[in-house]
């Protein structure tokens, strides 16, 4: 059975102090979710639980992202999280802190 992608949303999350990659990634997912309002369930035979949700996270240090923590941000559907290199870290002028930016893409598909 094939899948058709219905939705693509992007988000940006930032942890201004502390370089908490999971915090920045959760904020990126939240940012993407808040740009969406799904109105097609009433006119299709699909439900929120039928969604296949792929979350792609881009972070400067991918190993610092816990996919299970990020998956908890998605309220519906079957969720998979993939982490890849991306995002951006900006080191403070004195080198003691950094701003951590993480990108998220949320891809929603349904089975045919």
N, C-alpha and C. Protein backbone atom coordinates (compact mmCIF):
# COMPACT_ATOMS: atom_id res chain seq x y z
N UNK A 1 0.85 -1.18 0.00
CA UNK A 1 0.00 0.00 0.00
C UNK A 1 0.89 1.23 0.00
N UNK A 2 0.61 2.18 -0.88
CA UNK A 2 1.38 3.41 -0.97
C UNK A 2 0.87 4.48 -0.02
N UNK A 3 1.64 5.53 0.07
CA UNK A 3 1.24 6.67 0.89
C UNK A 3 1.29 7.94 0.05
N UNK A 4 0.40 8.86 0.39
CA UNK A 4 0.37 10.17 -0.24
C UNK A 4 0.61 11.23 0.81
N UNK A 5 1.56 12.13 0.53
CA UNK A 5 1.83 13.22 1.47
C UNK A 5 0.78 14.30 1.28
N UNK A 6 0.19 14.73 2.39
CA UNK A 6 -0.86 15.75 2.37
C UNK A 6 -0.38 17.07 2.95
N UNK A 7 0.57 17.02 3.88
CA UNK A 7 0.96 18.23 4.61
C UNK A 7 2.48 18.26 4.77
N UNK A 8 3.07 19.43 4.61
CA UNK A 8 4.46 19.68 4.96
C UNK A 8 4.49 21.01 5.72
N UNK A 9 5.03 20.98 6.91
CA UNK A 9 5.16 22.19 7.72
C UNK A 9 6.59 22.29 8.24
N UNK A 10 7.09 23.51 8.39
CA UNK A 10 8.42 23.74 8.90
C UNK A 10 8.38 24.60 10.15
N UNK A 11 9.36 24.39 11.02
CA UNK A 11 9.44 25.20 12.22
C UNK A 11 10.88 25.44 12.63
N UNK A 12 11.06 26.45 13.46
CA UNK A 12 12.37 26.80 14.01
C UNK A 12 12.23 26.90 15.52
N UNK A 13 13.15 26.28 16.22
CA UNK A 13 13.18 26.37 17.68
C UNK A 13 14.54 26.82 18.15
N UNK A 14 14.55 27.62 19.20
CA UNK A 14 15.80 28.19 19.70
C UNK A 14 15.87 28.02 21.21
N UNK A 15 17.05 27.61 21.70
CA UNK A 15 17.37 27.69 23.12
C UNK A 15 18.45 28.76 23.22
N UNK A 16 18.10 29.89 23.81
CA UNK A 16 18.98 31.06 23.81
C UNK A 16 20.17 30.87 24.73
N UNK A 17 20.01 30.16 25.84
CA UNK A 17 21.11 29.92 26.77
C UNK A 17 21.08 28.45 27.18
N UNK A 18 22.23 27.82 27.18
CA UNK A 18 22.31 26.48 27.71
C UNK A 18 22.49 25.38 26.69
N UNK A 19 22.28 25.66 25.42
CA UNK A 19 22.49 24.68 24.35
C UNK A 19 21.73 23.38 24.59
N UNK A 20 20.46 23.50 24.99
CA UNK A 20 19.62 22.32 25.19
C UNK A 20 18.97 21.97 23.85
N UNK A 21 19.53 20.98 23.17
CA UNK A 21 19.06 20.62 21.84
C UNK A 21 17.64 20.08 21.85
N UNK A 22 17.29 19.30 22.86
CA UNK A 22 15.92 18.79 22.92
C UNK A 22 14.91 19.92 23.12
N UNK A 23 15.26 20.89 23.95
CA UNK A 23 14.36 22.03 24.15
C UNK A 23 14.16 22.78 22.84
N UNK A 24 15.25 23.04 22.13
CA UNK A 24 15.15 23.74 20.85
C UNK A 24 14.36 22.91 19.83
N UNK A 25 14.56 21.60 19.81
CA UNK A 25 13.84 20.73 18.87
C UNK A 25 12.35 20.69 19.19
N UNK A 26 12.00 20.60 20.48
CA UNK A 26 10.58 20.62 20.87
C UNK A 26 9.94 21.94 20.45
N UNK A 27 10.67 23.03 20.60
CA UNK A 27 10.14 24.34 20.19
C UNK A 27 9.98 24.40 18.67
N UNK A 28 10.89 23.79 17.93
CA UNK A 28 10.77 23.77 16.46
C UNK A 28 9.54 23.00 16.02
N UNK A 29 9.29 21.85 16.66
CA UNK A 29 8.09 21.06 16.34
C UNK A 29 6.84 21.85 16.71
N UNK A 30 6.85 22.47 17.87
CA UNK A 30 5.71 23.28 18.30
C UNK A 30 5.45 24.42 17.33
N UNK A 31 6.52 25.06 16.87
CA UNK A 31 6.39 26.15 15.90
C UNK A 31 5.73 25.64 14.61
N UNK A 32 6.15 24.50 14.14
CA UNK A 32 5.56 23.93 12.92
C UNK A 32 4.09 23.58 13.13
N UNK A 33 3.77 22.98 14.26
CA UNK A 33 2.38 22.59 14.52
C UNK A 33 1.46 23.80 14.59
N UNK A 34 1.95 24.89 15.11
CA UNK A 34 1.11 26.08 15.27
C UNK A 34 0.88 26.83 13.96
N UNK A 35 1.51 26.37 12.89
CA UNK A 35 1.25 26.93 11.57
C UNK A 35 0.22 26.10 10.81
N UNK A 36 -0.36 25.11 11.46
CA UNK A 36 -1.27 24.19 10.78
C UNK A 36 -2.66 24.23 11.40
N UNK A 37 -3.63 24.09 10.55
CA UNK A 37 -5.01 23.88 10.98
C UNK A 37 -5.62 22.93 9.96
N UNK A 38 -5.92 21.74 10.39
CA UNK A 38 -6.35 20.69 9.47
C UNK A 38 -7.87 20.66 9.39
N UNK A 39 -8.38 20.90 8.19
CA UNK A 39 -9.83 20.97 7.99
C UNK A 39 -10.35 19.89 7.06
N UNK A 40 -9.52 18.97 6.65
CA UNK A 40 -9.96 18.01 5.64
C UNK A 40 -10.58 16.75 6.21
N UNK A 41 -10.55 16.56 7.51
CA UNK A 41 -11.10 15.32 8.07
C UNK A 41 -12.61 15.20 7.84
N UNK A 42 -13.32 16.32 7.86
CA UNK A 42 -14.77 16.28 7.66
C UNK A 42 -15.16 15.90 6.24
N UNK A 43 -14.28 16.10 5.28
CA UNK A 43 -14.64 15.84 3.88
C UNK A 43 -13.90 14.63 3.30
N UNK A 44 -13.19 13.90 4.14
CA UNK A 44 -12.52 12.69 3.70
C UNK A 44 -12.89 11.55 4.65
N UNK A 45 -12.44 10.38 4.31
CA UNK A 45 -12.66 9.25 5.21
C UNK A 45 -11.44 9.03 6.11
N UNK A 46 -10.63 10.07 6.30
CA UNK A 46 -9.42 10.00 7.11
C UNK A 46 -9.68 10.55 8.51
N UNK A 47 -8.90 10.05 9.47
CA UNK A 47 -8.97 10.58 10.83
C UNK A 47 -7.57 10.99 11.26
N UNK A 48 -7.50 11.71 12.35
CA UNK A 48 -6.20 12.14 12.87
C UNK A 48 -5.33 10.93 13.23
N UNK A 49 -5.95 9.85 13.67
CA UNK A 49 -5.18 8.66 14.02
C UNK A 49 -4.65 7.93 12.80
N UNK A 50 -5.21 8.19 11.61
CA UNK A 50 -4.73 7.57 10.37
C UNK A 50 -3.45 8.21 9.86
N UNK A 51 -3.08 9.36 10.40
CA UNK A 51 -1.92 10.09 9.90
C UNK A 51 -0.63 9.33 10.17
N UNK A 52 0.26 9.36 9.20
CA UNK A 52 1.64 8.90 9.36
C UNK A 52 2.46 10.19 9.42
N UNK A 53 3.02 10.47 10.58
CA UNK A 53 3.71 11.74 10.81
C UNK A 53 5.21 11.47 10.89
N UNK A 54 5.94 12.05 9.94
CA UNK A 54 7.39 11.96 9.95
C UNK A 54 7.93 13.32 10.38
N UNK A 55 8.71 13.32 11.45
CA UNK A 55 9.34 14.54 11.94
C UNK A 55 10.83 14.44 11.60
N UNK A 56 11.32 15.43 10.87
CA UNK A 56 12.74 15.49 10.52
C UNK A 56 13.34 16.67 11.27
N UNK A 57 14.35 16.39 12.08
CA UNK A 57 15.00 17.41 12.90
C UNK A 57 16.41 17.64 12.36
N UNK A 58 16.76 18.92 12.18
CA UNK A 58 18.12 19.29 11.79
C UNK A 58 18.79 20.03 12.93
N UNK A 59 19.88 19.47 13.43
CA UNK A 59 20.59 20.07 14.57
C UNK A 59 22.09 19.99 14.33
N UNK A 60 22.81 20.98 14.85
CA UNK A 60 24.26 21.00 14.70
C UNK A 60 24.92 19.80 15.37
N UNK A 61 24.31 19.31 16.43
CA UNK A 61 24.82 18.12 17.12
C UNK A 61 23.69 17.11 17.22
N UNK A 62 23.43 16.35 16.14
CA UNK A 62 22.30 15.42 16.10
C UNK A 62 22.28 14.41 17.24
N UNK A 63 23.44 14.01 17.73
CA UNK A 63 23.49 13.02 18.80
C UNK A 63 22.88 13.55 20.10
N UNK A 64 22.71 14.86 20.21
CA UNK A 64 22.12 15.44 21.42
C UNK A 64 20.60 15.51 21.37
N UNK A 65 19.99 14.97 20.33
CA UNK A 65 18.53 14.94 20.21
C UNK A 65 18.04 13.55 20.58
N UNK A 66 17.03 13.48 21.44
CA UNK A 66 16.39 12.22 21.81
C UNK A 66 15.09 12.10 21.01
N UNK A 67 15.05 11.24 19.99
CA UNK A 67 13.85 11.13 19.16
C UNK A 67 12.58 10.80 19.94
N UNK A 68 12.69 10.03 21.01
CA UNK A 68 11.51 9.68 21.81
C UNK A 68 10.91 10.92 22.47
N UNK A 69 11.76 11.82 22.92
CA UNK A 69 11.28 13.07 23.53
C UNK A 69 10.56 13.92 22.49
N UNK A 70 11.12 13.99 21.30
CA UNK A 70 10.53 14.81 20.23
C UNK A 70 9.21 14.21 19.77
N UNK A 71 9.12 12.90 19.68
CA UNK A 71 7.88 12.24 19.24
C UNK A 71 6.71 12.58 20.15
N UNK A 72 6.97 12.83 21.41
CA UNK A 72 5.90 13.15 22.36
C UNK A 72 5.21 14.47 22.05
N UNK A 73 5.83 15.31 21.23
CA UNK A 73 5.24 16.60 20.87
C UNK A 73 4.10 16.46 19.86
N UNK A 74 4.01 15.31 19.19
CA UNK A 74 3.00 15.10 18.15
C UNK A 74 1.79 14.43 18.78
N UNK A 75 0.62 15.07 18.72
CA UNK A 75 -0.54 14.56 19.46
C UNK A 75 -1.29 13.42 18.77
N UNK A 76 -1.10 13.22 17.46
CA UNK A 76 -1.91 12.24 16.73
C UNK A 76 -1.06 11.44 15.77
N UNK A 77 -1.60 10.31 15.36
CA UNK A 77 -1.00 9.53 14.29
C UNK A 77 0.15 8.65 14.74
N UNK A 78 0.72 7.97 13.76
CA UNK A 78 1.90 7.15 13.97
C UNK A 78 3.11 8.02 13.66
N UNK A 79 3.98 8.18 14.64
CA UNK A 79 5.07 9.17 14.55
C UNK A 79 6.42 8.48 14.41
N UNK A 80 7.22 8.97 13.47
CA UNK A 80 8.63 8.60 13.39
C UNK A 80 9.45 9.89 13.41
N UNK A 81 10.61 9.82 14.04
CA UNK A 81 11.49 10.98 14.13
C UNK A 81 12.85 10.61 13.55
N UNK A 82 13.32 11.44 12.63
CA UNK A 82 14.64 11.29 12.04
C UNK A 82 15.44 12.54 12.38
N UNK A 83 16.68 12.33 12.81
CA UNK A 83 17.53 13.47 13.17
C UNK A 83 18.72 13.50 12.20
N UNK A 84 19.01 14.68 11.69
CA UNK A 84 20.08 14.85 10.72
C UNK A 84 20.89 16.10 11.07
N UNK A 85 22.02 16.25 10.44
CA UNK A 85 22.82 17.46 10.65
C UNK A 85 22.10 18.66 10.06
N UNK A 86 22.17 19.76 10.76
CA UNK A 86 21.51 20.98 10.32
C UNK A 86 21.53 21.99 11.44
N UNK A 87 20.58 22.89 11.44
CA UNK A 87 20.50 23.88 12.49
C UNK A 87 21.73 24.77 12.53
N UNK A 88 21.91 25.43 13.66
CA UNK A 88 23.01 26.37 13.79
C UNK A 88 23.26 26.64 15.27
N UNK A 89 24.52 26.67 15.64
CA UNK A 89 24.92 27.12 16.97
C UNK A 89 25.69 28.42 16.82
N UNK A 90 25.35 29.41 17.63
CA UNK A 90 26.05 30.69 17.64
C UNK A 90 26.73 30.82 19.00
N UNK A 91 28.04 30.84 18.99
CA UNK A 91 28.82 30.92 20.23
C UNK A 91 28.82 32.36 20.72
N UNK A 92 28.67 32.51 22.05
CA UNK A 92 28.69 33.86 22.63
C UNK A 92 30.07 34.49 22.42
N UNK A 93 30.10 35.79 22.53
CA UNK A 93 31.34 36.53 22.28
C UNK A 93 32.48 36.09 23.19
N UNK A 94 32.15 35.76 24.44
CA UNK A 94 33.20 35.33 25.37
C UNK A 94 33.42 33.82 25.35
N UNK A 95 32.65 33.10 24.52
CA UNK A 95 32.84 31.67 24.35
C UNK A 95 32.28 30.79 25.44
N UNK A 96 31.50 31.35 26.36
CA UNK A 96 31.00 30.56 27.49
C UNK A 96 29.57 30.07 27.32
N UNK A 97 28.90 30.50 26.28
CA UNK A 97 27.50 30.12 26.07
C UNK A 97 27.24 30.05 24.58
N UNK A 98 26.10 29.49 24.22
CA UNK A 98 25.74 29.47 22.80
C UNK A 98 24.24 29.48 22.63
N UNK A 99 23.83 30.02 21.51
CA UNK A 99 22.43 29.97 21.08
C UNK A 99 22.32 28.77 20.16
N UNK A 100 21.36 27.90 20.46
CA UNK A 100 21.16 26.68 19.69
C UNK A 100 19.88 26.80 18.89
N UNK A 101 20.00 26.68 17.56
CA UNK A 101 18.83 26.73 16.68
C UNK A 101 18.66 25.37 16.02
N UNK A 102 17.43 24.88 16.05
CA UNK A 102 17.10 23.58 15.48
C UNK A 102 15.93 23.77 14.52
N UNK A 103 15.99 23.09 13.38
CA UNK A 103 14.90 23.13 12.40
C UNK A 103 14.10 21.85 12.48
N UNK A 104 12.81 21.97 12.19
CA UNK A 104 11.93 20.79 12.13
C UNK A 104 11.09 20.85 10.87
N UNK A 105 10.93 19.70 10.24
CA UNK A 105 9.95 19.54 9.17
C UNK A 105 8.99 18.45 9.62
N UNK A 106 7.71 18.72 9.49
CA UNK A 106 6.68 17.73 9.82
C UNK A 106 5.99 17.36 8.51
N UNK A 107 6.06 16.08 8.18
CA UNK A 107 5.51 15.56 6.94
C UNK A 107 4.38 14.60 7.29
N UNK A 108 3.18 14.89 6.82
CA UNK A 108 2.02 14.06 7.14
C UNK A 108 1.55 13.35 5.89
N UNK A 109 1.43 12.04 5.99
CA UNK A 109 0.97 11.22 4.88
C UNK A 109 -0.17 10.32 5.35
N UNK A 110 -0.92 9.84 4.38
CA UNK A 110 -1.98 8.86 4.63
C UNK A 110 -1.80 7.71 3.66
N UNK A 111 -2.18 6.52 4.10
CA UNK A 111 -2.22 5.38 3.19
C UNK A 111 -3.24 5.65 2.11
N UNK A 112 -2.97 5.09 0.92
CA UNK A 112 -3.93 5.22 -0.19
C UNK A 112 -5.29 4.68 0.20
